[in-house]
Amino acid sequence: METISVSELRANLTNVIDEVKNGKTILITSHGKPVAQIIPSSDRRKEVIAKLKALRKTAKIGDMVSPVGEQWETS
């Protein structure tokens, strides 16, 4: 992860934004101490679709309401 000071960020904001667009994470420091991170924006919709596709591989779709032939005790 690249580190940049607040003053460098101010002077090079356009370049830093371009780097982040290309996937780089940047740690911002003030007086040598970390204060923030700039991370690439994620496409939430794509993430959700990927998770649903992974779930599809493990899920079994079928009739969940019909009896399964087992006797249940009721009180």
PDB file of N, CA and C in Angstrom:
ATOM      1  N   MET A   1       0.853  -1.175   0.000  1.00  0.00           N
ATOM      2  CA  MET A   1       0.000   0.000   0.000  1.00  0.00           C
ATOM      3  C   MET A   1       0.898   1.236   0.000  1.00  0.00           C
ATOM      4  N   GLU A   2       0.563   2.150  -0.842  1.00  0.00           N
ATOM      5  CA  GLU A   2       1.339   3.390  -0.942  1.00  0.00           C
ATOM      6  C   GLU A   2       0.907   4.356   0.156  1.00  0.00           C
ATOM      7  N   THR A   3       1.861   5.126   0.648  1.00  0.00           N
ATOM      8  CA  THR A   3       1.583   6.133   1.669  1.00  0.00           C
ATOM      9  C   THR A   3       1.876   7.502   1.075  1.00  0.00           C
ATOM     10  N   ILE A   4       0.995   8.468   1.413  1.00  0.00           N
ATOM     11  CA  ILE A   4       1.174   9.834   0.911  1.00  0.00           C
ATOM     12  C   ILE A   4       0.738  10.801   2.005  1.00  0.00           C
ATOM     13  N   SER A   5       1.451  11.906   2.115  1.00  0.00           N
ATOM     14  CA  SER A   5       1.086  12.913   3.119  1.00  0.00           C
ATOM     15  C   SER A   5      -0.072  13.769   2.594  1.00  0.00           C
ATOM     16  N   VAL A   6      -0.733  14.446   3.513  1.00  0.00           N
ATOM     17  CA  VAL A   6      -1.851  15.312   3.131  1.00  0.00           C
ATOM     18  C   VAL A   6      -1.384  16.381   2.145  1.00  0.00           C
ATOM     19  N   SER A   7      -0.220  16.962   2.380  1.00  0.00           N
ATOM     20  CA  SER A   7       0.271  18.022   1.477  1.00  0.00           C
ATOM     21  C   SER A   7       0.563  17.463   0.082  1.00  0.00           C
ATOM     22  N   GLU A   8       1.127  16.248   0.010  1.00  0.00           N
ATOM     23  CA  GLU A   8       1.361  15.619  -1.298  1.00  0.00           C
ATOM     24  C   GLU A   8       0.032  15.310  -1.987  1.00  0.00           C
ATOM     25  N   LEU A   9      -0.941  14.869  -1.196  1.00  0.00           N
ATOM     26  CA  LEU A   9      -2.262  14.572  -1.753  1.00  0.00           C
ATOM     27  C   LEU A   9      -2.881  15.819  -2.378  1.00  0.00           C
ATOM     28  N   ARG A  10      -2.792  16.933  -1.672  1.00  0.00           N
ATOM     29  CA  ARG A  10      -3.345  18.187  -2.203  1.00  0.00           C
ATOM     30  C   ARG A  10      -2.680  18.562  -3.532  1.00  0.00           C
ATOM     31  N   ALA A  11      -1.382  18.374  -3.600  1.00  0.00           N
ATOM     32  CA  ALA A  11      -0.631  18.764  -4.797  1.00  0.00           C
ATOM     33  C   ALA A  11      -0.844  17.808  -5.971  1.00  0.00           C
ATOM     34  N   ASN A  12      -1.225  16.573  -5.670  1.00  0.00           N
ATOM     35  CA  ASN A  12      -1.316  15.551  -6.722  1.00  0.00           C
ATOM     36  C   ASN A  12      -2.654  14.816  -6.731  1.00  0.00           C
ATOM     37  N   LEU A  13      -3.697  15.483  -6.353  1.00  0.00           N
ATOM     38  CA  LEU A  13      -4.994  14.814  -6.184  1.00  0.00           C
ATOM     39  C   LEU A  13      -5.447  14.087  -7.450  1.00  0.00           C
ATOM     40  N   THR A  14      -5.347  14.712  -8.596  1.00  0.00           N
ATOM     41  CA  THR A  14      -5.795  14.078  -9.841  1.00  0.00           C
ATOM     42  C   THR A  14      -5.028  12.786 -10.112  1.00  0.00           C
ATOM     43  N   ASN A  15      -3.723  12.816  -9.924  1.00  0.00           N
ATOM     44  CA  ASN A  15      -2.910  11.616 -10.144  1.00  0.00           C
ATOM     45  C   ASN A  15      -3.251  10.518  -9.137  1.00  0.00           C
ATOM     46  N   VAL A  16      -3.460  10.908  -7.888  1.00  0.00           N
ATOM     47  CA  VAL A  16      -3.807   9.931  -6.851  1.00  0.00           C
ATOM     48  C   VAL A  16      -5.148   9.279  -7.168  1.00  0.00           C
ATOM     49  N   ILE A  17      -6.122  10.065  -7.582  1.00  0.00           N
ATOM     50  CA  ILE A  17      -7.436   9.521  -7.941  1.00  0.00           C
ATOM     51  C   ILE A  17      -7.300   8.542  -9.103  1.00  0.00           C
ATOM     52  N   ASP A  18      -6.478   8.861 -10.082  1.00  0.00           N
ATOM     53  CA  ASP A  18      -6.248   7.947 -11.207  1.00  0.00           C
ATOM     54  C   ASP A  18      -5.649   6.622 -10.725  1.00  0.00           C
ATOM     55  N   GLU A  19      -4.712   6.688  -9.785  1.00  0.00           N
ATOM     56  CA  GLU A  19      -4.104   5.468  -9.250  1.00  0.00           C
ATOM     57  C   GLU A  19      -5.148   4.615  -8.522  1.00  0.00           C
ATOM     58  N   VAL A  20      -6.008   5.275  -7.774  1.00  0.00           N
ATOM     59  CA  VAL A  20      -7.055   4.550  -7.042  1.00  0.00           C
ATOM     60  C   VAL A  20      -8.053   3.926  -8.019  1.00  0.00           C
ATOM     61  N   LYS A  21      -8.379   4.638  -9.084  1.00  0.00           N
ATOM     62  CA  LYS A  21      -9.266   4.078 -10.112  1.00  0.00           C
ATOM     63  C   LYS A  21      -8.695   2.798 -10.704  1.00  0.00           C
ATOM     64  N   ASN A  22      -7.372   2.711 -10.749  1.00  0.00           N
ATOM     65  CA  ASN A  22      -6.698   1.538 -11.295  1.00  0.00           C
ATOM     66  C   ASN A  22      -6.476   0.447 -10.252  1.00  0.00           C
ATOM     67  N   GLY A  23      -7.081   0.609  -9.065  1.00  0.00           N
ATOM     68  CA  GLY A  23      -7.051  -0.459  -8.072  1.00  0.00           C
ATOM     69  C   GLY A  23      -6.108  -0.283  -6.906  1.00  0.00           C
ATOM     70  N   LYS A  24      -5.365   0.798  -6.872  1.00  0.00           N
ATOM     71  CA  LYS A  24      -4.391   0.993  -5.792  1.00  0.00           C
ATOM     72  C   LYS A  24      -5.079   1.578  -4.550  1.00  0.00           C
ATOM     73  N   THR A  25      -4.664   1.133  -3.370  1.00  0.00           N
ATOM     74  CA  THR A  25      -5.130   1.698  -2.105  1.00  0.00           C
ATOM     75  C   THR A  25      -4.044   2.633  -1.597  1.00  0.00           C
ATOM     76  N   ILE A  26      -4.430   3.825  -1.142  1.00  0.00           N
ATOM     77  CA  ILE A  26      -3.478   4.837  -0.703  1.00  0.00           C
ATOM     78  C   ILE A  26      -3.755   5.180   0.764  1.00  0.00           C
ATOM     79  N   LEU A  27      -2.699   5.143   1.583  1.00  0.00           N
ATOM     80  CA  LEU A  27      -2.797   5.541   2.986  1.00  0.00           C
ATOM     81  C   LEU A  27      -2.363   6.997   3.095  1.00  0.00           C
ATOM     82  N   ILE A  28      -3.197   7.821   3.722  1.00  0.00           N
ATOM     83  CA  ILE A  28      -2.902   9.244   3.869  1.00  0.00           C
ATOM     84  C   ILE A  28      -2.397   9.488   5.285  1.00  0.00           C
ATOM     85  N   THR A  29      -1.293  10.241   5.378  1.00  0.00           N
ATOM     86  CA  THR A  29      -0.723  10.537   6.690  1.00  0.00           C
ATOM     87  C   THR A  29      -0.718  12.036   6.950  1.00  0.00           C
ATOM     88  N   SER A  30      -0.743  12.375   8.222  1.00  0.00           N
ATOM     89  CA  SER A  30      -0.606  13.757   8.661  1.00  0.00           C
ATOM     90  C   SER A  30       0.427  13.756   9.783  1.00  0.00           C
ATOM     91  N   HIS A  31       1.503  14.477   9.587  1.00  0.00           N
ATOM     92  CA  HIS A  31       2.614  14.496  10.544  1.00  0.00           C
ATOM     93  C   HIS A  31       3.125  13.092  10.813  1.00  0.00           C
ATOM     94  N   GLY A  32       3.154  12.273   9.751  1.00  0.00           N
ATOM     95  CA  GLY A  32       3.698  10.927   9.848  1.00  0.00           C
ATOM     96  C   GLY A  32       2.762   9.877  10.421  1.00  0.00           C
ATOM     97  N   LYS A  33       1.555  10.284  10.809  1.00  0.00           N
ATOM     98  CA  LYS A  33       0.606   9.331  11.389  1.00  0.00           C
ATOM     99  C   LYS A  33      -0.542   9.067  10.408  1.00  0.00           C
ATOM    100  N   PRO A  34      -0.943   7.806  10.253  1.00  0.00           N
ATOM    101  CA  PRO A  34      -2.056   7.489   9.347  1.00  0.00           C
ATOM    102  C   PRO A  34      -3.351   8.145   9.813  1.00  0.00           C
ATOM    103  N   VAL A  35      -4.066   8.758   8.872  1.00  0.00           N
ATOM    104  CA  VAL A  35      -5.334   9.406   9.213  1.00  0.00           C
ATOM    105  C   VAL A  35      -6.497   8.923   8.350  1.00  0.00           C
ATOM    106  N   ALA A  36      -6.200   8.368   7.179  1.00  0.00           N
ATOM    107  CA  ALA A  36      -7.276   7.934   6.281  1.00  0.00           C
ATOM    108  C   ALA A  36      -6.713   7.026   5.204  1.00  0.00           C
ATOM    109  N   GLN A  37      -7.632   6.351   4.520  1.00  0.00           N
ATOM    110  CA  GLN A  37      -7.282   5.530   3.368  1.00  0.00           C
ATOM    111  C   GLN A  37      -8.200   5.888   2.220  1.00  0.00           C
ATOM    112  N   ILE A  38      -7.654   5.878   1.034  1.00  0.00           N
ATOM    113  CA  ILE A  38      -8.473   5.998  -0.164  1.00  0.00           C
ATOM    114  C   ILE A  38      -8.419   4.634  -0.834  1.00  0.00           C
ATOM    115  N   ILE A  39      -9.586   4.024  -1.009  1.00  0.00           N
ATOM    116  CA  ILE A  39      -9.657   2.697  -1.613  1.00  0.00           C
ATOM    117  C   ILE A  39     -10.540   2.750  -2.850  1.00  0.00           C
ATOM    118  N   PRO A  40     -10.307   1.850  -3.794  1.00  0.00           N
ATOM    119  CA  PRO A  40     -11.145   1.830  -4.990  1.00  0.00           C
ATOM    120  C   PRO A  40     -12.603   1.550  -4.618  1.00  0.00           C
ATOM    121  N   SER A  41     -13.493   2.205  -5.289  1.00  0.00           N
ATOM    122  CA  SER A  41     -14.912   1.982  -5.081  1.00  0.00           C
ATOM    123  C   SER A  41     -15.282   0.608  -5.609  1.00  0.00           C
ATOM    124  N   SER A  42     -16.143  -0.078  -4.878  1.00  0.00           N
ATOM    125  CA  SER A  42     -16.574  -1.395  -5.345  1.00  0.00           C
ATOM    126  C   SER A  42     -17.954  -1.285  -5.982  1.00  0.00           C
ATOM    127  N   ASP A  43     -18.200  -2.144  -6.918  1.00  0.00           N
ATOM    128  CA  ASP A  43     -19.509  -2.203  -7.547  1.00  0.00           C
ATOM    129  C   ASP A  43     -20.338  -3.186  -6.734  1.00  0.00           C
ATOM    130  N   ARG A  44     -21.143  -2.691  -5.835  1.00  0.00           N
ATOM    131  CA  ARG A  44     -21.909  -3.516  -4.898  1.00  0.00           C
ATOM    132  C   ARG A  44     -22.797  -4.521  -5.635  1.00  0.00           C
ATOM    133  N   ARG A  45     -23.356  -4.115  -6.746  1.00  0.00           N
ATOM    134  CA  ARG A  45     -24.239  -5.007  -7.500  1.00  0.00           C
ATOM    135  C   ARG A  45     -23.469  -6.236  -7.991  1.00  0.00           C
ATOM    136  N   LYS A  46     -22.268  -6.032  -8.505  1.00  0.00           N
ATOM    137  CA  LYS A  46     -21.454  -7.149  -8.981  1.00  0.00           C
ATOM    138  C   LYS A  46     -21.075  -8.083  -7.837  1.00  0.00           C
ATOM    139  N   GLU A  47     -20.782  -7.506  -6.673  1.00  0.00           N
ATOM    140  CA  GLU A  47     -20.443  -8.321  -5.505  1.00  0.00           C
ATOM    141  C   GLU A  47     -21.620  -9.212  -5.105  1.00  0.00           C
ATOM    142  N   VAL A  48     -22.813  -8.642  -5.087  1.00  0.00           N
ATOM    143  CA  VAL A  48     -24.000  -9.398  -4.692  1.00  0.00           C
ATOM    144  C   VAL A  48     -24.288 -10.507  -5.698  1.00  0.00           C
ATOM    145  N   ILE A  49     -24.172 -10.205  -6.972  1.00  0.00           N
ATOM    146  CA  ILE A  49     -24.408 -11.219  -8.006  1.00  0.00           C
ATOM    147  C   ILE A  49     -23.402 -12.362  -7.867  1.00  0.00           C
ATOM    148  N   ALA A  50     -22.151 -12.040  -7.601  1.00  0.00           N
ATOM    149  CA  ALA A  50     -21.133 -13.083  -7.424  1.00  0.00           C
ATOM    150  C   ALA A  50     -21.454 -13.963  -6.222  1.00  0.00           C
ATOM    151  N   LYS A  51     -21.915 -13.365  -5.129  1.00  0.00           N
ATOM    152  CA  LYS A  51     -22.275 -14.144  -3.938  1.00  0.00           C
ATOM    153  C   LYS A  51     -23.485 -15.038  -4.212  1.00  0.00           C
ATOM    154  N   LEU A  52     -24.455 -14.535  -4.948  1.00  0.00           N
ATOM    155  CA  LEU A  52     -25.631 -15.346  -5.288  1.00  0.00           C
ATOM    156  C   LEU A  52     -25.245 -16.513  -6.199  1.00  0.00           C
ATOM    157  N   LYS A  53     -24.335 -16.278  -7.133  1.00  0.00           N
ATOM    158  CA  LYS A  53     -23.878 -17.359  -8.006  1.00  0.00           C
ATOM    159  C   LYS A  53     -23.157 -18.438  -7.198  1.00  0.00           C
ATOM    160  N   ALA A  54     -22.366 -18.029  -6.219  1.00  0.00           N
ATOM    161  CA  ALA A  54     -21.680 -19.001  -5.364  1.00  0.00           C
ATOM    162  C   ALA A  54     -22.695 -19.779  -4.526  1.00  0.00           C
ATOM    163  N   LEU A  55     -23.716 -19.114  -4.028  1.00  0.00           N
ATOM    164  CA  LEU A  55     -24.756 -19.764  -3.239  1.00  0.00           C
ATOM    165  C   LEU A  55     -25.550 -20.744  -4.090  1.00  0.00           C
ATOM    166  N   ARG A  56     -25.754 -20.399  -5.344  1.00  0.00           N
ATOM    167  CA  ARG A  56     -26.502 -21.264  -6.258  1.00  0.00           C
ATOM    168  C   ARG A  56     -25.857 -22.649  -6.366  1.00  0.00           C
ATOM    169  N   LYS A  57     -24.541 -22.698  -6.262  1.00  0.00           N
ATOM    170  CA  LYS A  57     -23.825 -23.970  -6.369  1.00  0.00           C
ATOM    171  C   LYS A  57     -24.082 -24.877  -5.164  1.00  0.00           C
ATOM    172  N   THR A  58     -24.445 -24.304  -4.022  1.00  0.00           N
ATOM    173  CA  THR A  58     -24.625 -25.097  -2.806  1.00  0.00           C
ATOM    174  C   THR A  58     -26.086 -25.300  -2.428  1.00  0.00           C
ATOM    175  N   ALA A  59     -26.977 -24.522  -2.974  1.00  0.00           N
ATOM    176  CA  ALA A  59     -28.389 -24.597  -2.603  1.00  0.00           C
ATOM    177  C   ALA A  59     -29.124 -25.630  -3.441  1.00  0.00           C
ATOM    178  N   LYS A  60     -30.115 -26.258  -2.820  1.00  0.00           N
ATOM    179  CA  LYS A  60     -30.983 -27.179  -3.550  1.00  0.00           C
ATOM    180  C   LYS A  60     -32.377 -26.575  -3.549  1.00  0.00           C
ATOM    181  N   ILE A  61     -32.899 -26.424  -4.727  1.00  0.00           N
ATOM    182  CA  ILE A  61     -34.214 -25.822  -4.859  1.00  0.00           C
ATOM    183  C   ILE A  61     -35.222 -26.942  -5.041  1.00  0.00           C
ATOM    184  N   GLY A  62     -36.278 -26.878  -4.266  1.00  0.00           N
ATOM    185  CA  GLY A  62     -37.299 -27.908  -4.366  1.00  0.00           C
ATOM    186  C   GLY A  62     -38.493 -27.549  -3.507  1.00  0.00           C
ATOM    187  N   ASP A  63     -39.346 -28.522  -3.332  1.00  0.00           N
ATOM    188  CA  ASP A  63     -40.569 -28.326  -2.559  1.00  0.00           C
ATOM    189  C   ASP A  63     -40.230 -28.346  -1.074  1.00  0.00           C
ATOM    190  N   MET A  64     -40.382 -27.236  -0.410  1.00  0.00           N
ATOM    191  CA  MET A  64     -40.055 -27.137   1.004  1.00  0.00           C
ATOM    192  C   MET A  64     -41.296 -27.246   1.894  1.00  0.00           C
ATOM    193  N   VAL A  65     -42.468 -27.434   1.300  1.00  0.00           N
ATOM    194  CA  VAL A  65     -43.704 -27.419   2.072  1.00  0.00           C
ATOM    195  C   VAL A  65     -44.289 -28.816   2.244  1.00  0.00           C
ATOM    196  N   SER A  66     -44.129 -29.673   1.271  1.00  0.00           N
ATOM    197  CA  SER A  66     -44.744 -31.005   1.326  1.00  0.00           C
ATOM    198  C   SER A  66     -44.106 -31.856   2.419  1.00  0.00           C
ATOM    199  N   PRO A  67     -44.903 -32.758   3.009  1.00  0.00           N
ATOM    200  CA  PRO A  67     -44.369 -33.653   4.035  1.00  0.00           C
ATOM    201  C   PRO A  67     -43.270 -34.548   3.461  1.00  0.00           C
ATOM    202  N   VAL A  68     -42.330 -34.929   4.295  1.00  0.00           N
ATOM    203  CA  VAL A  68     -41.215 -35.755   3.860  1.00  0.00           C
ATOM    204  C   VAL A  68     -41.396 -37.214   4.254  1.00  0.00           C
ATOM    205  N   GLY A  69     -42.530 -37.567   4.813  1.00  0.00           N
ATOM    206  CA  GLY A  69     -42.782 -38.955   5.185  1.00  0.00           C
ATOM    207  C   GLY A  69     -42.336 -39.287   6.596  1.00  0.00           C
ATOM    208  N   GLU A  70     -41.868 -38.334   7.355  1.00  0.00           N
ATOM    209  CA  GLU A  70     -41.456 -38.578   8.735  1.00  0.00           C
ATOM    210  C   GLU A  70     -42.577 -38.176   9.670  1.00  0.00           C
ATOM    211  N   GLN A  71     -42.721 -38.934  10.738  1.00  0.00           N
ATOM    212  CA  GLN A  71     -43.714 -38.602  11.756  1.00  0.00           C
ATOM    213  C   GLN A  71     -43.112 -37.604  12.754  1.00  0.00           C
ATOM    214  N   TRP A  72     -43.839 -36.586  13.066  1.00  0.00           N
ATOM    215  CA  TRP A  72     -43.388 -35.591  14.027  1.00  0.00           C
ATOM    216  C   TRP A  72     -44.249 -35.690  15.266  1.00  0.00           C
ATOM    217  N   GLU A  73     -43.608 -35.571  16.394  1.00  0.00           N
ATOM    218  CA  GLU A  73     -44.358 -35.566  17.646  1.00  0.00           C
ATOM    219  C   GLU A  73     -44.811 -34.132  17.928  1.00  0.00           C
ATOM    220  N   THR A  74     -46.058 -34.041  18.339  1.00  0.00           N
ATOM    221  CA  THR A  74     -46.603 -32.731  18.691  1.00  0.00           C
ATOM    222  C   THR A  74     -47.146 -32.786  20.105  1.00  0.00           C
ATOM    223  N   SER A  75     -47.106 -31.713  20.795  1.00  0.00           N
ATOM    224  CA  SER A  75     -47.632 -31.705  22.157  1.00  0.00           C
ATOM    225  C   SER A  75     -48.904 -30.931  22.263  1.00  0.00           C
TER     226      SER A  75
END
